[in-house]
Amino acid sequence: MKLPLICIVLLGLTIGACTGTATNDARLAGAVKTQGDAFLLQGEYTAALSTLLEARKMRPDDPYLLNSLGLAYMGKKRDDLAIPVFKEALDLKPDYTEALNNLGVAYLRQKKWDMAIFAFKKVLEDLLYPTPQFPMSNLGWAYLEKRNYIQAESWFSQALDASPVFMTPAHGLSRVLLETGRENEAVQFLKARLIEYPETAILHADLARAYEAQGRTDDARQSWQNVLHYAKGNAELKKTATERLSALD
């Protein structure tokens, strides 16, 4: 009768030890993930990736950790590695809409338009998703790349309705107007937006292109000057403005 009692006691000790170790590992993994997320926010993607890979060894089945890891891969411009990680997170937590949206962004960056569209539409099925303007805008870009201007305009407009201060869909909508030869509408739309948000360099660039399409060289030149004034850290946009000003002289 003593052997079963001894076995039970030993079993209890073993379980207690394992549970304590597991708890400590989980806490350590959580702390490491927090550090990795901090690196992500700071844009230090190499440090984030290294840290999150370590956390994954301790907690391989954590969908939230996997989502952060996918973002680190994207920060390193390795969308090919991010995609399977986001998929793994979704296998573990099928209702993890944030990971699904990130998967759609990775597809978008890889120019897999139809796969991106499918992902973003699934995101919008989640009525509790707090920032629907992002997948709406991303749908606009995917359809714009497919030259489906009707759908692109619709999604950009919906994104603006959801968040009027969101400049990305405003830029997208101006692209639609310009690519469909509606320069007058583009000018009216952009001038109205710039009255409210005068420091938005990308919209000044869109307005400059609209003026160029209308043959309004002086107005275009002034808009490109505005780009130089407001672009600040955007070296690529500044370069474009400088090149266009040189061409217009």
Protein backbone atom coordinates (compact mmCIF):
# COMPACT_ATOMS: atom_id res chain seq x y z
CA MET A 1 0.00 0.00 0.00
CA LYS A 2 2.97 2.33 0.53
CA LEU A 3 4.17 2.17 -3.11
CA PRO A 4 1.12 3.92 -4.58
CA LEU A 5 1.36 6.59 -1.87
CA ILE A 6 5.04 7.20 -2.70
CA CYS A 7 4.23 7.36 -6.42
CA ILE A 8 1.47 9.85 -5.83
CA VAL A 9 3.73 12.09 -3.75
CA LEU A 10 6.52 11.94 -6.32
CA LEU A 11 4.05 12.61 -9.10
CA GLY A 12 2.77 15.63 -7.24
CA LEU A 13 6.27 16.97 -6.79
CA THR A 14 7.07 16.39 -10.44
CA ILE A 15 3.92 18.18 -11.58
CA GLY A 16 4.61 21.05 -9.20
CA ALA A 17 8.16 21.41 -10.47
CA CYS A 18 7.07 21.32 -14.11
CA THR A 19 4.31 23.84 -13.51
CA GLY A 20 6.69 26.19 -11.75
CA THR A 21 9.22 25.88 -14.58
CA ALA A 22 6.54 26.39 -17.20
CA THR A 23 5.27 29.47 -15.37
CA ASN A 24 8.77 30.90 -15.13
CA ASP A 25 9.42 30.16 -18.81
CA ALA A 26 6.15 31.80 -19.78
CA ARG A 27 7.00 34.89 -17.73
CA LEU A 28 10.48 35.05 -19.23
CA ALA A 29 9.11 34.61 -22.74
CA GLY A 30 6.57 37.35 -22.06
CA ALA A 31 9.27 39.69 -20.87
CA VAL A 32 11.41 38.94 -23.91
CA LYS A 33 8.42 39.50 -26.20
CA THR A 34 7.77 42.85 -24.54
CA GLN A 35 11.35 43.84 -25.21
CA GLY A 36 11.01 42.70 -28.83
CA ASP A 37 7.83 44.72 -29.25
CA ALA A 38 9.65 47.78 -27.88
CA PHE A 39 12.37 47.31 -30.50
CA LEU A 40 9.63 47.08 -33.16
CA LEU A 41 8.11 50.38 -32.07
CA GLN A 42 11.54 52.01 -32.24
CA GLY A 43 12.12 50.66 -35.75
CA GLU A 44 15.08 48.56 -34.58
CA TYR A 45 14.08 45.53 -36.61
CA THR A 46 17.29 43.52 -36.31
CA ALA A 47 17.20 43.71 -32.52
CA ALA A 48 13.47 42.96 -32.56
CA LEU A 49 13.95 39.92 -34.76
CA SER A 50 16.77 38.53 -32.62
CA THR A 51 14.78 39.04 -29.42
CA LEU A 52 11.54 37.59 -30.74
CA LEU A 53 13.27 34.53 -32.16
CA GLU A 54 14.60 33.85 -28.67
CA ALA A 55 11.12 34.28 -27.20
CA ARG A 56 9.71 31.87 -29.77
CA LYS A 57 12.00 29.12 -28.52
CA MET A 58 10.40 29.45 -25.09
CA ARG A 59 6.84 29.92 -26.28
CA PRO A 60 6.45 28.53 -29.83
CA ASP A 61 2.65 28.35 -29.76
CA ASP A 62 1.90 31.96 -28.82
CA PRO A 63 -0.01 33.60 -31.71
CA TYR A 64 0.67 37.10 -30.36
CA LEU A 65 4.39 36.46 -30.28
CA LEU A 66 4.22 35.04 -33.81
CA ASN A 67 2.42 38.16 -35.02
CA SER A 68 5.20 40.32 -33.57
CA LEU A 69 7.78 38.07 -35.19
CA GLY A 70 6.04 38.46 -38.55
CA LEU A 71 6.19 42.23 -38.17
CA ALA A 72 9.92 42.01 -37.43
CA TYR A 73 10.43 40.02 -40.64
CA MET A 74 8.45 42.66 -42.53
CA GLY A 75 10.64 45.35 -40.98
CA LYS A 76 13.61 43.50 -42.42
CA LYS A 77 11.82 43.44 -45.79
CA ARG A 78 11.46 39.66 -45.67
CA ASP A 79 7.78 39.34 -46.38
CA ASP A 80 8.44 35.83 -47.67
CA LEU A 81 9.38 34.82 -44.11
CA ALA A 82 6.63 36.89 -42.49
CA ILE A 83 3.79 35.22 -44.41
CA PRO A 84 4.18 31.68 -42.98
CA VAL A 85 4.57 33.13 -39.47
CA PHE A 86 1.31 35.08 -39.76
CA LYS A 87 -0.35 31.93 -41.12
CA GLU A 88 0.92 29.96 -38.14
CA ALA A 89 -0.49 32.59 -35.78
CA LEU A 90 -3.86 32.28 -37.52
CA ASP A 91 -3.77 28.49 -37.30
CA LEU A 92 -3.37 28.87 -33.54
CA LYS A 93 -5.97 31.65 -33.26
CA PRO A 94 -8.29 31.79 -36.29
CA ASP A 95 -10.08 34.92 -35.02
CA TYR A 96 -6.83 36.91 -34.72
CA THR A 97 -7.84 39.69 -37.10
CA GLU A 98 -4.73 41.78 -36.55
CA ALA A 99 -2.53 38.94 -37.80
CA LEU A 100 -4.86 38.50 -40.77
CA ASN A 101 -4.55 42.18 -41.67
CA ASN A 102 -0.76 41.93 -41.40
CA LEU A 103 -0.84 38.88 -43.65
CA GLY A 104 -2.78 40.93 -46.19
CA VAL A 105 -0.18 43.70 -46.02
CA ALA A 106 2.60 41.17 -46.65
CA TYR A 107 0.70 39.86 -49.68
CA LEU A 108 0.20 43.44 -50.86
CA ARG A 109 3.92 44.15 -50.62
CA GLN A 110 4.63 40.99 -52.59
CA LYS A 111 2.19 42.16 -55.30
CA LYS A 112 -0.11 39.20 -54.68
CA TRP A 113 -3.14 41.37 -55.22
CA ASP A 114 -5.91 38.76 -55.16
CA MET A 115 -4.58 37.10 -52.01
CA ALA A 116 -4.32 40.49 -50.35
CA ILE A 117 -7.87 41.38 -51.35
CA PHE A 118 -9.18 38.12 -49.90
CA ALA A 119 -7.37 38.75 -46.60
CA PHE A 120 -8.55 42.36 -46.22
CA LYS A 121 -12.15 41.47 -46.98
CA LYS A 122 -11.99 38.78 -44.30
CA VAL A 123 -10.65 41.40 -41.88
CA LEU A 124 -13.66 43.60 -42.56
CA GLU A 125 -15.99 40.74 -41.63
CA ASP A 126 -14.86 41.34 -38.04
CA LEU A 127 -17.27 44.07 -36.96
CA LEU A 128 -15.21 44.67 -33.84
CA TYR A 129 -11.99 45.43 -35.71
CA PRO A 130 -11.11 48.89 -34.36
CA THR A 131 -9.42 50.42 -37.44
CA PRO A 132 -11.37 49.35 -40.56
CA GLN A 133 -9.94 52.32 -42.47
CA PHE A 134 -6.64 50.44 -42.84
CA PRO A 135 -7.94 47.33 -44.66
CA MET A 136 -10.31 49.56 -46.64
CA SER A 137 -7.41 51.69 -47.82
CA ASN A 138 -5.31 48.60 -48.53
CA LEU A 139 -8.15 47.21 -50.64
CA GLY A 140 -8.08 50.46 -52.58
CA TRP A 141 -4.36 50.03 -53.32
CA ALA A 142 -4.78 46.41 -54.36
CA TYR A 143 -7.58 47.28 -56.78
CA LEU A 144 -5.64 50.29 -58.06
CA GLU A 145 -2.73 48.00 -58.93
CA LYS A 146 -5.19 45.74 -60.76
CA ARG A 147 -6.45 48.82 -62.67
CA ASN A 148 -9.93 48.23 -61.28
CA TYR A 149 -10.55 51.93 -60.76
CA ILE A 150 -14.21 51.64 -59.78
CA GLN A 151 -13.42 49.34 -56.86
CA ALA A 152 -10.32 51.34 -55.94
CA GLU A 153 -12.28 54.59 -55.77
CA SER A 154 -15.00 52.93 -53.73
CA TRP A 155 -12.63 51.54 -51.10
CA PHE A 156 -10.55 54.70 -50.82
CA SER A 157 -13.75 56.70 -50.33
CA GLN A 158 -14.97 54.30 -47.64
CA ALA A 159 -11.62 54.57 -45.85
CA LEU A 160 -11.89 58.37 -45.87
CA ASP A 161 -15.45 58.19 -44.57
CA ALA A 162 -14.23 55.98 -41.73
CA SER A 163 -11.29 58.29 -40.93
CA PRO A 164 -11.19 61.71 -42.62
CA VAL A 165 -7.76 62.46 -41.13
CA PHE A 166 -6.20 59.40 -42.80
CA MET A 167 -4.08 60.75 -45.66
CA THR A 168 -3.16 57.46 -47.36
CA PRO A 169 -6.60 56.90 -48.94
CA ALA A 170 -6.71 60.60 -49.91
CA HIS A 171 -3.49 60.06 -51.83
CA GLY A 172 -4.93 56.86 -53.31
CA LEU A 173 -8.12 58.59 -54.42
CA SER A 174 -6.14 61.37 -56.08
CA ARG A 175 -4.16 58.67 -57.92
CA VAL A 176 -7.41 57.18 -59.20
CA LEU A 177 -8.64 60.56 -60.40
CA LEU A 178 -5.36 61.32 -62.19
CA GLU A 179 -5.04 57.89 -63.79
CA THR A 180 -8.60 58.10 -65.12
CA GLY A 181 -8.05 61.53 -66.68
CA ARG A 182 -10.15 63.46 -64.17
CA GLU A 183 -7.65 66.21 -63.46
CA ASN A 184 -10.27 68.85 -62.67
CA GLU A 185 -11.84 66.63 -60.01
CA ALA A 186 -8.39 65.87 -58.64
CA VAL A 187 -7.56 69.58 -58.29
CA GLN A 188 -10.84 70.33 -56.54
CA PHE A 189 -10.49 67.35 -54.22
CA LEU A 190 -6.85 68.07 -53.34
CA LYS A 191 -7.32 71.79 -52.77
CA ALA A 192 -10.17 71.03 -50.37
CA ARG A 193 -8.06 68.49 -48.48
CA LEU A 194 -5.07 70.82 -48.29
CA ILE A 195 -7.17 73.58 -46.77
CA GLU A 196 -7.73 71.23 -43.82
CA TYR A 197 -4.31 69.54 -43.86
CA PRO A 198 -1.91 72.04 -45.46
CA GLU A 199 1.28 70.28 -44.38
CA THR A 200 0.61 66.99 -46.20
CA ALA A 201 3.51 66.80 -48.65
CA ILE A 202 2.19 63.86 -50.66
CA LEU A 203 -1.04 65.72 -51.44
CA HIS A 204 0.94 68.75 -52.60
CA ALA A 205 2.80 66.37 -54.93
CA ASP A 206 -0.50 64.97 -56.23
CA LEU A 207 -1.77 68.51 -56.81
CA ALA A 208 1.43 69.39 -58.68
CA ARG A 209 0.91 66.40 -60.98
CA ALA A 210 -2.70 67.44 -61.55
CA TYR A 211 -1.60 70.96 -62.48
CA GLU A 212 1.02 69.56 -64.84
CA ALA A 213 -1.63 67.44 -66.53
CA GLN A 214 -3.69 70.62 -66.99
CA GLY A 215 -0.69 72.50 -68.40
CA ARG A 216 -0.66 74.92 -65.46
CA THR A 217 3.11 75.15 -65.14
CA ASP A 218 3.30 78.03 -62.64
CA ASP A 219 0.80 76.38 -60.30
CA ALA A 220 2.64 73.07 -60.63
CA ARG A 221 5.93 74.75 -59.81
CA GLN A 222 4.46 76.32 -56.67
CA SER A 223 3.04 72.97 -55.55
CA TRP A 224 6.40 71.26 -56.02
CA GLN A 225 7.95 74.04 -53.93
CA ASN A 226 5.40 73.23 -51.25
CA VAL A 227 6.50 69.60 -51.40
CA LEU A 228 10.10 70.64 -50.71
CA HIS A 229 8.90 72.75 -47.80
CA TYR A 230 6.77 70.07 -46.15
CA ALA A 231 8.46 66.80 -47.12
CA LYS A 232 10.99 67.10 -44.30
CA GLY A 233 12.46 63.61 -43.83
CA ASN A 234 11.00 62.11 -47.01
CA ALA A 235 14.12 62.07 -49.19
CA GLU A 236 12.43 60.29 -52.10
CA LEU A 237 9.63 62.82 -52.33
CA LYS A 238 12.11 65.68 -52.08
CA LYS A 239 14.13 64.16 -54.92
CA THR A 240 11.01 63.90 -57.10
CA ALA A 241 10.10 67.53 -56.37
CA THR A 242 13.61 68.72 -57.22
CA GLU A 243 13.59 66.78 -60.50
CA ARG A 244 10.18 68.11 -61.49
CA LEU A 245 11.16 71.71 -60.67
CA SER A 246 14.24 71.31 -62.83
CA ALA A 247 12.14 69.93 -65.69
CA LEU A 248 9.63 72.78 -65.43
CA ASP A 249 12.27 75.53 -65.56
